[in-house]
């Protein structure tokens, strides 16, 4: 089972690594969102998150496996945190923006969005929650008109 988790997690994190490394602006976060939502729309929201699905099915039954999944979520959270830190370095976000907190909000919105899209077979809820999380990031923008 751990080999399956490792393979799925590495495929997911590799894609996320490539996408999040290109985030240089708030528009970059929107493009990240668009890619996730569009990919999920291919099956009317039924895709879901492979890592989230494993966590939901296994985390309460096998502590060692739960830890492996948690480590992959931590890696994903770090990728998002790094993207927020990059926005701060570029002067897109104010220095006091808490990168880890904002990244946690993005990841939580994404996971909740996957679940809502999967149960509704509609990606609109996923887009809504990601838009809300990105709006929270945008609240820390250095631009006077960040809309």
Protein backbone atom coordinates (compact mmCIF):
# COMPACT_ATOMS: atom_id res chain seq x y z
CA UNK A 1 0.00 0.00 0.00
CA UNK A 2 2.85 2.40 0.78
CA UNK A 3 4.19 1.95 -2.75
CA UNK A 4 0.80 2.99 -4.18
CA UNK A 5 0.73 6.03 -1.92
CA UNK A 6 4.28 6.99 -2.87
CA UNK A 7 3.54 6.68 -6.60
CA UNK A 8 0.31 8.69 -6.43
CA UNK A 9 1.81 11.32 -4.16
CA UNK A 10 4.92 11.76 -6.29
CA UNK A 11 2.86 12.18 -9.46
CA UNK A 12 0.67 14.77 -7.75
CA UNK A 13 3.52 16.63 -6.07
CA UNK A 14 5.60 16.65 -9.24
CA UNK A 15 2.76 18.36 -11.10
CA UNK A 16 2.22 20.79 -8.22
CA UNK A 17 5.96 21.52 -8.01
CA UNK A 18 6.03 22.48 -11.70
CA UNK A 19 2.91 24.63 -11.48
CA UNK A 20 3.68 26.40 -8.21
CA UNK A 21 7.28 27.15 -9.23
CA UNK A 22 5.80 29.38 -11.94
CA UNK A 23 3.72 31.49 -9.53
CA UNK A 24 5.18 35.00 -9.74
CA UNK A 25 2.00 37.01 -9.32
CA UNK A 26 -1.53 36.79 -8.04
CA UNK A 27 -2.51 35.90 -11.59
CA UNK A 28 -0.15 32.95 -11.25
CA UNK A 29 -2.24 31.68 -8.34
CA UNK A 30 -5.34 32.06 -10.49
CA UNK A 31 -3.69 30.04 -13.25
CA UNK A 32 -2.83 27.35 -10.67
CA UNK A 33 -6.50 27.32 -9.67
CA UNK A 34 -7.64 27.21 -13.29
CA UNK A 35 -5.45 24.22 -14.05
CA UNK A 36 -6.76 22.27 -11.06
CA UNK A 37 -10.40 23.10 -11.75
CA UNK A 38 -10.12 22.40 -15.48
CA UNK A 39 -8.45 19.05 -14.87
CA UNK A 40 -11.18 18.14 -12.41
CA UNK A 41 -13.88 19.29 -14.87
CA UNK A 42 -12.80 16.60 -17.33
CA UNK A 43 -14.88 14.15 -15.32
CA UNK A 44 -17.48 16.61 -14.01
CA UNK A 45 -15.74 16.87 -10.66
CA UNK A 46 -15.53 13.13 -10.13
CA UNK A 47 -11.72 13.17 -10.23
CA UNK A 48 -11.13 14.22 -6.64
CA UNK A 49 -7.73 14.36 -5.04
CA UNK A 50 -5.84 11.06 -5.12
CA UNK A 51 -3.98 11.91 -1.94
CA UNK A 52 -7.09 13.18 -0.17
CA UNK A 53 -9.01 10.06 -1.16
CA UNK A 54 -6.30 7.83 0.31
CA UNK A 55 -6.22 9.91 3.48
CA UNK A 56 -9.98 9.59 3.85
CA UNK A 57 -9.96 5.84 3.34
CA UNK A 58 -6.85 4.83 5.28
CA UNK A 59 -5.89 7.44 7.88
CA UNK A 60 -8.11 6.06 10.63
CA UNK A 61 -7.06 2.45 10.07
CA UNK A 62 -3.28 2.42 9.78
CA UNK A 63 -1.11 4.85 11.73
CA UNK A 64 2.05 4.25 9.72
CA UNK A 65 0.24 4.88 6.46
CA UNK A 66 -1.44 7.97 7.92
CA UNK A 67 2.01 9.36 8.72
CA UNK A 68 3.19 8.72 5.16
CA UNK A 69 0.15 10.54 3.75
CA UNK A 70 0.59 13.37 6.25
CA UNK A 71 4.20 13.80 5.14
CA UNK A 72 3.04 14.20 1.54
CA UNK A 73 0.45 16.77 2.57
CA UNK A 74 3.20 18.58 4.47
CA UNK A 75 5.29 18.60 1.29
CA UNK A 76 2.35 20.02 -0.67
CA UNK A 77 1.79 22.64 2.02
CA UNK A 78 5.48 23.58 1.77
CA UNK A 79 5.17 24.06 -1.99
CA UNK A 80 2.27 26.45 -1.43
CA UNK A 81 4.13 28.21 1.40
CA UNK A 82 7.14 28.64 -0.90
CA UNK A 83 4.89 30.14 -3.60
CA UNK A 84 3.49 32.66 -1.10
CA UNK A 85 7.01 33.47 0.12
CA UNK A 86 8.02 34.07 -3.49
CA UNK A 87 5.15 36.55 -3.86
CA UNK A 88 6.42 38.33 -0.76
CA UNK A 89 10.00 38.42 -2.14
CA UNK A 90 8.73 39.88 -5.40
CA UNK A 91 6.86 42.60 -3.51
CA UNK A 92 3.45 41.31 -4.62
CA UNK A 93 2.42 40.69 -1.01
CA UNK A 94 3.20 42.73 2.06
CA UNK A 95 6.01 41.40 4.27
CA UNK A 96 3.67 40.63 7.19
CA UNK A 97 1.59 38.16 5.16
CA UNK A 98 1.80 34.83 6.96
CA UNK A 99 2.81 32.47 4.18
CA UNK A 100 2.16 29.25 6.09
CA UNK A 101 -1.31 30.36 7.19
CA UNK A 102 -2.27 31.50 3.69
CA UNK A 103 -0.90 28.28 2.20
CA UNK A 104 -2.89 26.24 4.72
CA UNK A 105 -6.02 28.09 3.66
CA UNK A 106 -5.31 27.37 -0.01
CA UNK A 107 -4.71 23.67 0.62
CA UNK A 108 -7.78 23.34 2.84
CA UNK A 109 -9.92 25.12 0.24
CA UNK A 110 -8.55 22.85 -2.47
CA UNK A 111 -9.27 19.68 -0.52
CA UNK A 112 -12.75 20.85 0.43
CA UNK A 113 -13.33 21.91 -3.15
CA UNK A 114 -12.35 18.50 -4.44
CA UNK A 115 -14.81 16.86 -2.05
CA UNK A 116 -17.68 19.22 -2.91
CA UNK A 117 -17.02 18.86 -6.65
CA UNK A 118 -16.89 15.10 -6.37
CA UNK A 119 -20.16 14.78 -4.50
CA UNK A 120 -21.96 17.36 -6.68
CA UNK A 121 -20.31 16.18 -9.94
CA UNK A 122 -19.80 19.88 -10.57
CA UNK A 123 -16.56 21.86 -10.29
CA UNK A 124 -18.24 25.18 -9.51
CA UNK A 125 -17.98 24.72 -5.72
CA UNK A 126 -14.28 23.96 -6.12
CA UNK A 127 -13.75 27.19 -8.06
CA UNK A 128 -15.72 29.17 -5.46
CA UNK A 129 -13.70 27.99 -2.48
CA UNK A 130 -10.39 28.45 -4.29
CA UNK A 131 -11.47 31.94 -5.32
CA UNK A 132 -12.22 32.71 -1.67
CA UNK A 133 -8.82 31.41 -0.57
CA UNK A 134 -7.07 33.42 -3.29
CA UNK A 135 -9.08 36.49 -2.23
CA UNK A 136 -7.62 36.05 1.24
CA UNK A 137 -4.12 36.02 -0.24
CA UNK A 138 -5.04 39.05 -2.34
CA UNK A 139 -5.99 40.89 0.86
CA UNK A 140 -2.24 41.09 1.54
CA UNK A 141 -1.41 42.54 -1.88
CA UNK A 142 0.84 45.57 -2.11
CA UNK A 143 -1.22 46.91 -5.01
CA UNK A 144 -3.59 49.74 -4.16
CA UNK A 145 -6.25 48.19 -6.38
CA UNK A 146 -5.79 44.44 -6.03
CA UNK A 147 -9.19 43.48 -7.44
